[in-house]
Amino acid sequence: MRLLVVEDETRLARALQRGLQAEGFAVDVAADGPTGLDLARHGGYDAMILDVMLPGLSGYRVVRQLRAEEHWLPVLMLSAKDGEYDQADGLDCGADDYLTKPFSYVVLLARLRALLRRGAPQRPTVLSVGDISLDPAQRRVTRDGAEVTLTAREFALLEYLLRRAGAVVSKTELLDHVWDASLDTAPNAVEVYIGYLRRKIGRDRLETIRGAGYRLAT
């Protein structure tokens, strides 16, 4: 899954990026409101973590503008403003959730997972296709009831394929949503990790569609 973090406190932004990447997310960071708004419009993200007090354009204005343009990217708003009216303002302007600073990282992850589930009706708590099940909260994958051990990257790749089960997913789409856009990742990295996954979940489950990409068989 690909996330956008819009946060002007450099240390916090870096900590969030490192922590979320360790959980298998691909994470981009913006340090001001206008940049965050532009990335949110065009970046193809699955969710955004948005600070309220930003240079150039406040988080409130960013999310209002997105909603005015009928852009429904799920937004988790972060703020040191912890008053009940501040939280109400954030939610009323279009944010999907609001978390006050300082916050528990465990709670942030849980709220982010909930946000991703609510983002579209096809995002259940546990993803299952055939005999393969993936629990994002427990970081657990099973095949026919037996646990499958995956690296963070393999887990993120399988999660994205499960969410798009039955559809053909291109290498470019996988690089955009599973790998960090700030890194110079070679396209053959997708082929390598598809190979790793096939060894662990079964070669018959991941089809190669020549010239188009990959499809997780349903």
N, C-alpha and C. Protein backbone atom coordinates (compact mmCIF):
# COMPACT_ATOMS: atom_id res chain seq x y z
N MET A 1 0.84 -1.19 0.00
CA MET A 1 0.00 0.00 0.00
C MET A 1 0.89 1.25 0.00
N ARG A 2 0.44 2.28 -0.69
CA ARG A 2 1.24 3.49 -0.83
C ARG A 2 0.63 4.64 -0.02
N LEU A 3 1.44 5.25 0.83
CA LEU A 3 0.98 6.30 1.73
C LEU A 3 1.69 7.61 1.46
N LEU A 4 0.98 8.70 1.74
CA LEU A 4 1.56 10.04 1.70
C LEU A 4 1.52 10.61 3.11
N VAL A 5 2.68 11.04 3.62
CA VAL A 5 2.77 11.71 4.92
C VAL A 5 3.07 13.18 4.65
N VAL A 6 2.19 14.07 5.11
CA VAL A 6 2.39 15.51 4.97
C VAL A 6 2.62 16.07 6.37
N GLU A 7 3.88 16.37 6.68
CA GLU A 7 4.29 16.76 8.03
C GLU A 7 5.53 17.65 7.94
N ASP A 8 5.48 18.84 8.58
CA ASP A 8 6.60 19.76 8.48
C ASP A 8 7.62 19.59 9.59
N GLU A 9 7.33 18.79 10.61
CA GLU A 9 8.33 18.50 11.64
C GLU A 9 9.22 17.37 11.12
N THR A 10 10.44 17.72 10.76
CA THR A 10 11.32 16.79 10.04
C THR A 10 11.54 15.49 10.79
N ARG A 11 11.82 15.58 12.08
CA ARG A 11 12.10 14.36 12.85
C ARG A 11 10.89 13.45 12.89
N LEU A 12 9.71 14.02 13.11
CA LEU A 12 8.50 13.21 13.16
C LEU A 12 8.21 12.60 11.79
N ALA A 13 8.38 13.38 10.73
CA ALA A 13 8.13 12.87 9.38
C ALA A 13 9.05 11.70 9.06
N ARG A 14 10.34 11.84 9.42
CA ARG A 14 11.28 10.75 9.16
C ARG A 14 10.94 9.51 9.99
N ALA A 15 10.56 9.72 11.25
CA ALA A 15 10.20 8.60 12.12
C ALA A 15 8.98 7.85 11.58
N LEU A 16 7.98 8.61 11.13
CA LEU A 16 6.80 7.99 10.54
C LEU A 16 7.16 7.22 9.28
N GLN A 17 7.99 7.83 8.44
CA GLN A 17 8.38 7.17 7.19
C GLN A 17 9.10 5.86 7.48
N ARG A 18 10.09 5.89 8.41
CA ARG A 18 10.84 4.67 8.73
C ARG A 18 9.92 3.60 9.32
N GLY A 19 9.07 4.00 10.26
CA GLY A 19 8.20 3.04 10.90
C GLY A 19 7.21 2.40 9.94
N LEU A 20 6.61 3.21 9.09
CA LEU A 20 5.63 2.69 8.14
C LEU A 20 6.29 1.83 7.07
N GLN A 21 7.50 2.21 6.65
CA GLN A 21 8.22 1.38 5.69
C GLN A 21 8.55 0.02 6.29
N ALA A 22 8.87 0.00 7.58
CA ALA A 22 9.15 -1.27 8.26
C ALA A 22 7.92 -2.16 8.30
N GLU A 23 6.74 -1.55 8.24
CA GLU A 23 5.49 -2.31 8.22
C GLU A 23 5.11 -2.76 6.81
N GLY A 24 5.94 -2.39 5.83
CA GLY A 24 5.69 -2.83 4.47
C GLY A 24 5.02 -1.82 3.56
N PHE A 25 4.78 -0.59 4.07
CA PHE A 25 4.17 0.44 3.25
C PHE A 25 5.22 1.15 2.40
N ALA A 26 4.82 1.63 1.23
CA ALA A 26 5.64 2.56 0.46
C ALA A 26 5.21 3.96 0.88
N VAL A 27 6.17 4.80 1.26
CA VAL A 27 5.84 6.08 1.90
C VAL A 27 6.56 7.24 1.22
N ASP A 28 5.80 8.27 0.83
CA ASP A 28 6.35 9.53 0.36
C ASP A 28 6.06 10.59 1.42
N VAL A 29 6.93 11.60 1.50
CA VAL A 29 6.79 12.66 2.51
C VAL A 29 6.77 14.02 1.83
N ALA A 30 5.86 14.88 2.26
CA ALA A 30 5.83 16.28 1.85
C ALA A 30 5.90 17.14 3.11
N ALA A 31 6.59 18.30 3.02
CA ALA A 31 6.82 19.12 4.20
C ALA A 31 5.98 20.39 4.24
N ASP A 32 5.11 20.59 3.24
CA ASP A 32 4.27 21.78 3.25
C ASP A 32 2.92 21.47 2.58
N GLY A 33 1.96 22.36 2.82
CA GLY A 33 0.62 22.12 2.32
C GLY A 33 0.49 22.07 0.81
N PRO A 34 1.03 23.04 0.06
CA PRO A 34 0.89 23.00 -1.41
C PRO A 34 1.49 21.75 -2.04
N THR A 35 2.66 21.33 -1.57
CA THR A 35 3.27 20.11 -2.11
C THR A 35 2.42 18.89 -1.78
N GLY A 36 1.94 18.85 -0.54
CA GLY A 36 1.09 17.74 -0.13
C GLY A 36 -0.18 17.65 -0.97
N LEU A 37 -0.80 18.80 -1.23
CA LEU A 37 -2.01 18.83 -2.03
C LEU A 37 -1.74 18.33 -3.44
N ASP A 38 -0.65 18.78 -4.04
CA ASP A 38 -0.32 18.37 -5.40
C ASP A 38 -0.06 16.86 -5.47
N LEU A 39 0.69 16.33 -4.51
CA LEU A 39 0.97 14.89 -4.50
C LEU A 39 -0.31 14.09 -4.27
N ALA A 40 -1.16 14.57 -3.37
CA ALA A 40 -2.41 13.87 -3.09
C ALA A 40 -3.30 13.80 -4.32
N ARG A 41 -3.28 14.87 -5.11
CA ARG A 41 -4.10 14.90 -6.33
C ARG A 41 -3.63 13.91 -7.38
N HIS A 42 -2.31 13.78 -7.51
CA HIS A 42 -1.77 13.07 -8.67
C HIS A 42 -0.96 11.82 -8.34
N GLY A 43 -0.75 11.53 -7.06
CA GLY A 43 0.19 10.47 -6.71
C GLY A 43 -0.36 9.06 -6.64
N GLY A 44 -1.68 8.89 -6.70
CA GLY A 44 -2.25 7.55 -6.66
C GLY A 44 -2.05 6.85 -5.33
N TYR A 45 -2.18 7.58 -4.23
CA TYR A 45 -1.96 7.01 -2.90
C TYR A 45 -3.20 6.28 -2.39
N ASP A 46 -2.95 5.37 -1.45
CA ASP A 46 -4.03 4.62 -0.83
C ASP A 46 -4.57 5.32 0.41
N ALA A 47 -3.76 6.17 1.05
CA ALA A 47 -4.20 6.96 2.21
C ALA A 47 -3.16 8.06 2.45
N MET A 48 -3.58 9.07 3.23
CA MET A 48 -2.69 10.18 3.56
C MET A 48 -2.74 10.46 5.06
N ILE A 49 -1.57 10.68 5.65
CA ILE A 49 -1.46 11.16 7.03
C ILE A 49 -1.12 12.64 6.92
N LEU A 50 -1.98 13.50 7.47
CA LEU A 50 -1.91 14.94 7.19
C LEU A 50 -1.85 15.75 8.48
N ASP A 51 -0.78 16.53 8.64
CA ASP A 51 -0.68 17.45 9.77
C ASP A 51 -1.61 18.65 9.54
N VAL A 52 -2.04 19.29 10.62
CA VAL A 52 -2.92 20.46 10.50
C VAL A 52 -2.14 21.73 10.23
N MET A 53 -1.11 21.99 11.07
CA MET A 53 -0.37 23.24 10.98
C MET A 53 0.79 23.07 10.00
N LEU A 54 0.58 23.49 8.75
CA LEU A 54 1.58 23.32 7.70
C LEU A 54 1.93 24.65 7.06
N PRO A 55 3.16 24.81 6.58
CA PRO A 55 3.52 26.02 5.82
C PRO A 55 2.75 26.08 4.50
N GLY A 56 2.36 27.27 4.11
CA GLY A 56 1.76 27.46 2.79
C GLY A 56 0.28 27.20 2.71
N LEU A 57 -0.18 26.15 3.34
CA LEU A 57 -1.59 25.76 3.26
C LEU A 57 -1.86 24.81 4.43
N SER A 58 -2.84 25.13 5.25
CA SER A 58 -3.12 24.28 6.42
C SER A 58 -3.70 22.94 5.99
N GLY A 59 -3.59 21.98 6.89
CA GLY A 59 -4.18 20.67 6.64
C GLY A 59 -5.68 20.76 6.39
N TYR A 60 -6.35 21.67 7.12
CA TYR A 60 -7.78 21.86 6.90
C TYR A 60 -8.06 22.25 5.45
N ARG A 61 -7.27 23.19 4.94
CA ARG A 61 -7.50 23.68 3.58
C ARG A 61 -7.14 22.61 2.55
N VAL A 62 -6.11 21.83 2.85
CA VAL A 62 -5.73 20.76 1.93
C VAL A 62 -6.88 19.77 1.76
N VAL A 63 -7.43 19.31 2.88
CA VAL A 63 -8.48 18.29 2.78
C VAL A 63 -9.77 18.89 2.22
N ARG A 64 -10.07 20.15 2.57
CA ARG A 64 -11.25 20.79 1.98
C ARG A 64 -11.14 20.87 0.46
N GLN A 65 -9.95 21.23 -0.02
CA GLN A 65 -9.75 21.35 -1.47
C GLN A 65 -9.90 19.99 -2.15
N LEU A 66 -9.34 18.96 -1.54
CA LEU A 66 -9.47 17.62 -2.12
C LEU A 66 -10.93 17.20 -2.22
N ARG A 67 -11.68 17.43 -1.15
CA ARG A 67 -13.09 17.04 -1.15
C ARG A 67 -13.90 17.89 -2.13
N ALA A 68 -13.54 19.18 -2.26
CA ALA A 68 -14.23 20.05 -3.22
C ALA A 68 -14.03 19.55 -4.65
N GLU A 69 -12.87 18.90 -4.89
CA GLU A 69 -12.57 18.35 -6.21
C GLU A 69 -13.07 16.91 -6.36
N GLU A 70 -13.84 16.45 -5.35
CA GLU A 70 -14.36 15.08 -5.33
C GLU A 70 -13.25 14.04 -5.37
N HIS A 71 -12.19 14.33 -4.63
CA HIS A 71 -11.07 13.40 -4.46
C HIS A 71 -11.23 12.78 -3.09
N TRP A 72 -11.47 11.48 -3.05
CA TRP A 72 -11.86 10.82 -1.81
C TRP A 72 -10.74 10.03 -1.16
N LEU A 73 -9.50 10.44 -1.36
CA LEU A 73 -8.36 9.80 -0.70
C LEU A 73 -8.59 9.77 0.82
N PRO A 74 -8.50 8.60 1.47
CA PRO A 74 -8.67 8.54 2.92
C PRO A 74 -7.60 9.37 3.64
N VAL A 75 -8.04 10.18 4.61
CA VAL A 75 -7.14 11.11 5.31
C VAL A 75 -7.19 10.89 6.81
N LEU A 76 -6.02 10.64 7.39
CA LEU A 76 -5.86 10.61 8.85
C LEU A 76 -5.15 11.90 9.24
N MET A 77 -5.83 12.75 9.99
CA MET A 77 -5.27 14.06 10.35
C MET A 77 -4.54 13.97 11.69
N LEU A 78 -3.34 14.58 11.74
CA LEU A 78 -2.56 14.66 12.97
C LEU A 78 -2.49 16.10 13.43
N SER A 79 -2.59 16.33 14.74
CA SER A 79 -2.48 17.70 15.23
C SER A 79 -2.18 17.74 16.72
N ALA A 80 -1.42 18.78 17.12
CA ALA A 80 -1.23 19.06 18.54
C ALA A 80 -2.43 19.77 19.12
N LYS A 81 -3.35 20.20 18.27
CA LYS A 81 -4.57 20.87 18.72
C LYS A 81 -5.56 19.80 19.17
N ASP A 82 -5.71 19.68 20.49
CA ASP A 82 -6.47 18.54 21.01
C ASP A 82 -7.84 18.91 21.55
N GLY A 83 -8.29 20.13 21.31
CA GLY A 83 -9.61 20.52 21.78
C GLY A 83 -10.70 19.80 20.98
N GLU A 84 -11.86 19.62 21.61
CA GLU A 84 -12.93 18.89 20.94
C GLU A 84 -13.41 19.62 19.69
N TYR A 85 -13.39 20.96 19.72
CA TYR A 85 -13.82 21.71 18.54
C TYR A 85 -12.78 21.61 17.42
N ASP A 86 -11.49 21.53 17.80
CA ASP A 86 -10.45 21.33 16.79
C ASP A 86 -10.64 20.00 16.07
N GLN A 87 -10.91 18.95 16.85
CA GLN A 87 -11.13 17.63 16.26
C GLN A 87 -12.38 17.63 15.38
N ALA A 88 -13.43 18.28 15.87
CA ALA A 88 -14.66 18.36 15.08
C ALA A 88 -14.42 19.11 13.77
N ASP A 89 -13.63 20.19 13.83
CA ASP A 89 -13.32 20.95 12.62
C ASP A 89 -12.61 20.07 11.59
N GLY A 90 -11.64 19.29 12.07
CA GLY A 90 -10.89 18.42 11.16
C GLY A 90 -11.79 17.40 10.48
N LEU A 91 -12.67 16.79 11.24
CA LEU A 91 -13.58 15.79 10.68
C LEU A 91 -14.62 16.43 9.76
N ASP A 92 -15.11 17.60 10.19
CA ASP A 92 -16.14 18.28 9.39
C ASP A 92 -15.62 18.80 8.06
N CYS A 93 -14.31 19.10 7.99
CA CYS A 93 -13.77 19.61 6.73
C CYS A 93 -13.43 18.48 5.76
N GLY A 94 -13.58 17.23 6.21
CA GLY A 94 -13.43 16.12 5.27
C GLY A 94 -12.45 15.04 5.66
N ALA A 95 -11.72 15.20 6.78
CA ALA A 95 -10.81 14.14 7.23
C ALA A 95 -11.62 12.92 7.66
N ASP A 96 -11.05 11.75 7.50
CA ASP A 96 -11.73 10.52 7.89
C ASP A 96 -11.45 10.13 9.33
N ASP A 97 -10.34 10.61 9.88
CA ASP A 97 -10.00 10.34 11.28
C ASP A 97 -9.07 11.44 11.76
N TYR A 98 -8.94 11.56 13.09
CA TYR A 98 -8.17 12.65 13.69
C TYR A 98 -7.44 12.08 14.90
N LEU A 99 -6.13 12.30 14.94
CA LEU A 99 -5.31 11.79 16.04
C LEU A 99 -4.48 12.93 16.60
N THR A 100 -4.52 13.10 17.93
CA THR A 100 -3.81 14.22 18.54
C THR A 100 -2.38 13.83 18.93
N LYS A 101 -1.48 14.81 18.83
CA LYS A 101 -0.08 14.64 19.26
C LYS A 101 0.04 15.01 20.74
N PRO A 102 0.92 14.33 21.48
CA PRO A 102 1.67 13.11 21.09
C PRO A 102 0.72 11.92 20.98
N PHE A 103 1.08 10.98 20.12
CA PHE A 103 0.20 9.85 19.89
C PHE A 103 0.98 8.54 20.04
N SER A 104 0.22 7.47 20.25
CA SER A 104 0.79 6.13 20.29
C SER A 104 0.95 5.62 18.87
N TYR A 105 2.15 5.16 18.53
CA TYR A 105 2.39 4.64 17.19
C TYR A 105 1.53 3.41 16.91
N VAL A 106 1.31 2.59 17.95
CA VAL A 106 0.46 1.41 17.81
C VAL A 106 -0.96 1.82 17.43
N VAL A 107 -1.46 2.88 18.08
CA VAL A 107 -2.81 3.36 17.78
C VAL A 107 -2.85 3.95 16.38
N LEU A 108 -1.81 4.71 15.99
CA LEU A 108 -1.78 5.27 14.64
C LEU A 108 -1.87 4.16 13.60
N LEU A 109 -1.10 3.07 13.78
CA LEU A 109 -1.15 1.96 12.83
C LEU A 109 -2.53 1.33 12.77
N ALA A 110 -3.15 1.13 13.94
CA ALA A 110 -4.47 0.52 13.98
C ALA A 110 -5.50 1.40 13.28
N ARG A 111 -5.41 2.72 13.51
CA ARG A 111 -6.35 3.64 12.86
C ARG A 111 -6.11 3.70 11.35
N LEU A 112 -4.84 3.61 10.97
CA LEU A 112 -4.51 3.62 9.55
C LEU A 112 -5.08 2.37 8.86
N ARG A 113 -4.93 1.21 9.51
CA ARG A 113 -5.50 -0.01 8.95
C ARG A 113 -7.02 0.09 8.82
N ALA A 114 -7.65 0.66 9.86
CA ALA A 114 -9.11 0.83 9.81
C ALA A 114 -9.50 1.77 8.68
N LEU A 115 -8.70 2.81 8.49
CA LEU A 115 -8.96 3.78 7.43
C LEU A 115 -8.87 3.12 6.05
N LEU A 116 -7.87 2.27 5.87
CA LEU A 116 -7.71 1.58 4.60
C LEU A 116 -8.86 0.60 4.36
N ARG A 117 -9.34 -0.03 5.43
CA ARG A 117 -10.49 -0.93 5.27
C ARG A 117 -11.73 -0.15 4.85
N ARG A 118 -11.93 1.03 5.44
CA ARG A 118 -13.12 1.81 5.14
C ARG A 118 -13.02 2.52 3.79
N GLY A 119 -11.79 2.60 3.24
CA GLY A 119 -11.59 3.36 2.01
C GLY A 119 -12.37 2.83 0.83
N ALA A 120 -12.64 1.55 0.83
CA ALA A 120 -13.41 0.93 -0.27
C ALA A 120 -14.08 -0.32 0.28
N PRO A 121 -15.25 -0.67 -0.23
CA PRO A 121 -15.99 -1.80 0.34
C PRO A 121 -15.28 -3.14 0.18
N GLN A 122 -14.33 -3.22 -0.74
CA GLN A 122 -13.64 -4.49 -0.94
C GLN A 122 -12.45 -4.67 -0.02
N ARG A 123 -12.36 -3.88 1.06
CA ARG A 123 -11.22 -3.99 1.98
C ARG A 123 -11.65 -4.55 3.32
N PRO A 124 -11.82 -5.86 3.44
CA PRO A 124 -12.23 -6.47 4.71
C PRO A 124 -11.07 -6.53 5.69
N THR A 125 -11.39 -6.93 6.93
CA THR A 125 -10.35 -7.03 7.96
C THR A 125 -9.30 -8.06 7.59
N VAL A 126 -9.75 -9.23 7.12
CA VAL A 126 -8.84 -10.29 6.66
C VAL A 126 -9.09 -10.51 5.18
N LEU A 127 -8.03 -10.47 4.40
CA LEU A 127 -8.14 -10.67 2.95
C LEU A 127 -8.01 -12.15 2.63
N SER A 128 -8.96 -12.70 1.91
CA SER A 128 -8.93 -14.12 1.57
C SER A 128 -9.28 -14.33 0.11
N VAL A 129 -8.47 -15.14 -0.56
CA VAL A 129 -8.74 -15.56 -1.92
C VAL A 129 -8.38 -17.04 -1.99
N GLY A 130 -9.39 -17.86 -2.25
CA GLY A 130 -9.14 -19.30 -2.27
C GLY A 130 -8.65 -19.77 -0.90
N ASP A 131 -7.53 -20.48 -0.89
CA ASP A 131 -7.01 -21.00 0.38
C ASP A 131 -5.98 -20.07 1.01
N ILE A 132 -5.80 -18.87 0.43
CA ILE A 132 -4.83 -17.91 0.97
C ILE A 132 -5.55 -16.84 1.78
N SER A 133 -5.09 -16.61 3.01
CA SER A 133 -5.65 -15.56 3.87
C SER A 133 -4.52 -14.68 4.38
N LEU A 134 -4.78 -13.37 4.44
CA LEU A 134 -3.80 -12.41 4.93
C LEU A 134 -4.48 -11.48 5.92
N ASP A 135 -3.92 -11.40 7.11
CA ASP A 135 -4.44 -10.52 8.16
C ASP A 135 -3.48 -9.35 8.32
N PRO A 136 -3.82 -8.14 7.82
CA PRO A 136 -2.89 -7.01 7.91
C PRO A 136 -2.56 -6.61 9.34
N ALA A 137 -3.54 -6.71 10.26
CA ALA A 137 -3.30 -6.30 11.64
C ALA A 137 -2.34 -7.24 12.35
N GLN A 138 -2.50 -8.53 12.13
CA GLN A 138 -1.65 -9.53 12.79
C GLN A 138 -0.37 -9.82 12.00
N ARG A 139 -0.28 -9.24 10.78
CA ARG A 139 0.87 -9.50 9.90
C ARG A 139 1.04 -11.01 9.69
N ARG A 140 -0.08 -11.67 9.41
CA ARG A 140 -0.09 -13.13 9.34
C ARG A 140 -0.69 -13.59 8.01
N VAL A 141 -0.03 -14.57 7.40
CA VAL A 141 -0.51 -15.15 6.15
C VAL A 141 -0.62 -16.66 6.33
N THR A 142 -1.72 -17.22 5.86
CA THR A 142 -1.86 -18.68 5.88
C THR A 142 -2.28 -19.17 4.50
N ARG A 143 -1.88 -20.40 4.22
CA ARG A 143 -2.35 -21.08 3.00
C ARG A 143 -2.88 -22.43 3.41
N ASP A 144 -4.14 -22.65 3.16
CA ASP A 144 -4.81 -23.89 3.55
C ASP A 144 -4.62 -24.17 5.04
N GLY A 145 -4.65 -23.08 5.84
CA GLY A 145 -4.54 -23.19 7.30
C GLY A 145 -3.12 -23.21 7.84
N ALA A 146 -2.13 -23.39 6.97
CA ALA A 146 -0.73 -23.43 7.42
C ALA A 146 -0.11 -22.05 7.28
N GLU A 147 0.62 -21.62 8.31
CA GLU A 147 1.21 -20.29 8.30
C GLU A 147 2.35 -20.20 7.28
N VAL A 148 2.38 -19.07 6.58
CA VAL A 148 3.42 -18.79 5.57
C VAL A 148 4.25 -17.61 6.06
N THR A 149 5.55 -17.78 6.13
CA THR A 149 6.44 -16.73 6.60
C THR A 149 6.90 -15.87 5.42
N LEU A 150 6.61 -14.56 5.50
CA LEU A 150 6.98 -13.64 4.44
C LEU A 150 7.81 -12.49 4.99
N THR A 151 8.69 -11.94 4.15
CA THR A 151 9.38 -10.70 4.51
C THR A 151 8.39 -9.54 4.41
N ALA A 152 8.78 -8.37 4.90
CA ALA A 152 7.89 -7.20 4.85
C ALA A 152 7.52 -6.86 3.41
N ARG A 153 8.47 -6.95 2.49
CA ARG A 153 8.20 -6.63 1.09
C ARG A 153 7.28 -7.67 0.45
N GLU A 154 7.55 -8.94 0.73
CA GLU A 154 6.69 -9.99 0.20
C GLU A 154 5.26 -9.83 0.72
N PHE A 155 5.14 -9.49 2.01
CA PHE A 155 3.82 -9.29 2.62
C PHE A 155 3.08 -8.15 1.92
N ALA A 156 3.77 -7.02 1.72
CA ALA A 156 3.15 -5.86 1.07
C ALA A 156 2.73 -6.20 -0.36
N LEU A 157 3.56 -6.95 -1.06
CA LEU A 157 3.24 -7.34 -2.43
C LEU A 157 2.01 -8.24 -2.48
N LEU A 158 1.97 -9.23 -1.59
CA LEU A 158 0.83 -10.13 -1.56
C LEU A 158 -0.44 -9.39 -1.15
N GLU A 159 -0.34 -8.48 -0.18
CA GLU A 159 -1.51 -7.71 0.24
C GLU A 159 -2.09 -6.92 -0.94
N TYR A 160 -1.23 -6.28 -1.70
CA TYR A 160 -1.73 -5.48 -2.82
C TYR A 160 -2.37 -6.39 -3.88
N LEU A 161 -1.75 -7.52 -4.16
CA LEU A 161 -2.31 -8.44 -5.15
C LEU A 161 -3.65 -9.01 -4.68
N LEU A 162 -3.77 -9.28 -3.38
CA LEU A 162 -5.03 -9.78 -2.84
C LEU A 162 -6.14 -8.73 -2.97
N ARG A 163 -5.78 -7.47 -2.75
CA ARG A 163 -6.78 -6.40 -2.87
C ARG A 163 -7.21 -6.21 -4.34
N ARG A 164 -6.38 -6.68 -5.25
CA ARG A 164 -6.69 -6.55 -6.68
C ARG A 164 -6.90 -7.93 -7.33
N ALA A 165 -7.27 -8.90 -6.49
CA ALA A 165 -7.40 -10.28 -6.96
C ALA A 165 -8.30 -10.38 -8.18
N GLY A 166 -7.83 -11.14 -9.18
CA GLY A 166 -8.59 -11.32 -10.40
C GLY A 166 -8.28 -10.30 -11.47
N ALA A 167 -7.68 -9.17 -11.07
CA ALA A 167 -7.33 -8.11 -12.03
C ALA A 167 -5.86 -8.26 -12.44
N VAL A 168 -5.56 -7.80 -13.64
CA VAL A 168 -4.17 -7.79 -14.10
C VAL A 168 -3.50 -6.54 -13.55
N VAL A 169 -2.38 -6.72 -12.86
CA VAL A 169 -1.66 -5.62 -12.22
C VAL A 169 -0.30 -5.48 -12.89
N SER A 170 -0.01 -4.31 -13.40
CA SER A 170 1.24 -4.10 -14.14
C SER A 170 2.42 -3.96 -13.18
N LYS A 171 3.63 -4.13 -13.73
CA LYS A 171 4.85 -3.91 -12.94
C LYS A 171 4.91 -2.48 -12.43
N THR A 172 4.52 -1.53 -13.27
CA THR A 172 4.56 -0.12 -12.87
C THR A 172 3.64 0.14 -11.69
N GLU A 173 2.45 -0.44 -11.71
CA GLU A 173 1.50 -0.26 -10.60
C GLU A 173 2.06 -0.86 -9.32
N LEU A 174 2.68 -2.03 -9.43
CA LEU A 174 3.27 -2.66 -8.24
C LEU A 174 4.43 -1.83 -7.70
N LEU A 175 5.26 -1.31 -8.58
CA LEU A 175 6.37 -0.46 -8.12
C LEU A 175 5.83 0.79 -7.42
N ASP A 176 4.75 1.36 -7.94
CA ASP A 176 4.17 2.58 -7.36
C ASP A 176 3.58 2.34 -5.98
N HIS A 177 2.96 1.17 -5.77
CA HIS A 177 2.20 0.95 -4.55
C HIS A 177 2.91 0.09 -3.51
N VAL A 178 3.94 -0.64 -3.92
CA VAL A 178 4.60 -1.55 -2.97
C VAL A 178 6.02 -1.10 -2.66
N TRP A 179 6.65 -0.42 -3.61
CA TRP A 179 8.01 0.06 -3.40
C TRP A 179 8.01 1.56 -3.12
N ASP A 180 9.05 2.06 -2.49
CA ASP A 180 9.17 3.48 -2.16
C ASP A 180 9.54 4.25 -3.42
N ALA A 181 8.71 5.26 -3.75
CA ALA A 181 8.93 6.03 -4.98
C ALA A 181 10.24 6.82 -4.94
N SER A 182 10.76 7.09 -3.73
CA SER A 182 12.00 7.88 -3.62
C SER A 182 13.24 7.04 -3.91
N LEU A 183 13.08 5.72 -3.99
CA LEU A 183 14.21 4.84 -4.26
C LEU A 183 14.25 4.49 -5.74
N ASP A 184 15.44 4.32 -6.26
CA ASP A 184 15.61 3.95 -7.67
C ASP A 184 15.54 2.44 -7.77
N THR A 185 14.32 1.90 -7.82
CA THR A 185 14.11 0.46 -7.83
C THR A 185 14.05 -0.05 -9.25
N ALA A 186 14.85 -1.06 -9.55
CA ALA A 186 14.87 -1.63 -10.90
C ALA A 186 13.57 -2.38 -11.16
N PRO A 187 13.02 -2.29 -12.37
CA PRO A 187 11.77 -2.99 -12.69
C PRO A 187 11.84 -4.50 -12.44
N ASN A 188 13.05 -5.10 -12.59
CA ASN A 188 13.12 -6.55 -12.39
C ASN A 188 12.99 -6.95 -10.93
N ALA A 189 12.96 -5.95 -10.01
CA ALA A 189 12.70 -6.26 -8.60
C ALA A 189 11.33 -6.90 -8.44
N VAL A 190 10.37 -6.46 -9.26
CA VAL A 190 9.03 -7.05 -9.20
C VAL A 190 9.10 -8.52 -9.58
N GLU A 191 9.80 -8.84 -10.66
CA GLU A 191 9.93 -10.22 -11.10
C GLU A 191 10.58 -11.08 -10.02
N VAL A 192 11.60 -10.53 -9.38
CA VAL A 192 12.31 -11.27 -8.32
C VAL A 192 11.36 -11.61 -7.17
N TYR A 193 10.59 -10.61 -6.71
CA TYR A 193 9.71 -10.84 -5.58
C TYR A 193 8.48 -11.67 -5.95
N ILE A 194 8.03 -11.56 -7.18
CA ILE A 194 6.97 -12.47 -7.65
C ILE A 194 7.46 -13.91 -7.57
N GLY A 195 8.72 -14.11 -7.95
CA GLY A 195 9.31 -15.44 -7.85
C GLY A 195 9.37 -15.94 -6.42
N TYR A 196 9.77 -15.05 -5.49
CA TYR A 196 9.78 -15.44 -4.07
C TYR A 196 8.39 -15.85 -3.60
N LEU A 197 7.38 -15.04 -3.97
CA LEU A 197 6.01 -15.34 -3.55
C LEU A 197 5.53 -16.67 -4.12
N ARG A 198 5.84 -16.92 -5.37
CA ARG A 198 5.40 -18.17 -6.00
C ARG A 198 5.93 -19.39 -5.24
N ARG A 199 7.17 -19.30 -4.78
CA ARG A 199 7.74 -20.42 -4.04
C ARG A 199 6.99 -20.66 -2.73
N LYS A 200 6.42 -19.59 -2.18
CA LYS A 200 5.80 -19.69 -0.85
C LYS A 200 4.30 -19.93 -0.88
N ILE A 201 3.61 -19.45 -1.92
CA ILE A 201 2.15 -19.62 -1.95
C ILE A 201 1.69 -20.53 -3.09
N GLY A 202 2.65 -20.94 -3.94
CA GLY A 202 2.28 -21.83 -5.04
C GLY A 202 2.38 -21.13 -6.38
N ARG A 203 3.08 -21.75 -7.30
CA ARG A 203 3.31 -21.13 -8.60
C ARG A 203 2.01 -20.95 -9.38
N ASP A 204 1.05 -21.81 -9.14
CA ASP A 204 -0.20 -21.74 -9.89
C ASP A 204 -1.07 -20.56 -9.49
N ARG A 205 -0.78 -19.94 -8.33
CA ARG A 205 -1.64 -18.86 -7.84
C ARG A 205 -1.34 -17.52 -8.49
N LEU A 206 -0.12 -17.32 -8.97
CA LEU A 206 0.27 -16.05 -9.58
C LEU A 206 0.54 -16.25 -11.06
N GLU A 207 -0.34 -15.72 -11.88
CA GLU A 207 -0.22 -15.86 -13.33
C GLU A 207 0.56 -14.68 -13.91
N THR A 208 1.42 -14.98 -14.88
CA THR A 208 2.07 -13.92 -15.66
C THR A 208 1.25 -13.68 -16.92
N ILE A 209 0.80 -12.46 -17.12
CA ILE A 209 0.06 -12.08 -18.32
C ILE A 209 1.05 -11.35 -19.22
N ARG A 210 1.50 -12.02 -20.25
CA ARG A 210 2.59 -11.51 -21.08
C ARG A 210 2.28 -10.10 -21.62
N GLY A 211 3.23 -9.19 -21.37
CA GLY A 211 3.11 -7.83 -21.85
C GLY A 211 2.18 -6.95 -21.02
N ALA A 212 1.57 -7.51 -19.95
CA ALA A 212 0.61 -6.74 -19.17
C ALA A 212 0.93 -6.70 -17.68
N GLY A 213 1.36 -7.85 -17.12
CA GLY A 213 1.66 -7.84 -15.70
C GLY A 213 1.35 -9.18 -15.05
N TYR A 214 0.74 -9.14 -13.86
CA TYR A 214 0.49 -10.33 -13.09
C TYR A 214 -0.95 -10.34 -12.58
N ARG A 215 -1.46 -11.56 -12.34
CA ARG A 215 -2.80 -11.69 -11.81
C ARG A 215 -2.82 -12.78 -10.75
N LEU A 216 -3.41 -12.45 -9.59
CA LEU A 216 -3.60 -13.44 -8.56
C LEU A 216 -4.90 -14.19 -8.87
N ALA A 217 -4.77 -15.49 -9.11
CA ALA A 217 -5.94 -16.29 -9.49
C ALA A 217 -6.93 -16.37 -8.34
N THR A 218 -8.20 -16.26 -8.66
CA THR A 218 -9.26 -16.34 -7.64
C THR A 218 -9.90 -17.72 -7.64
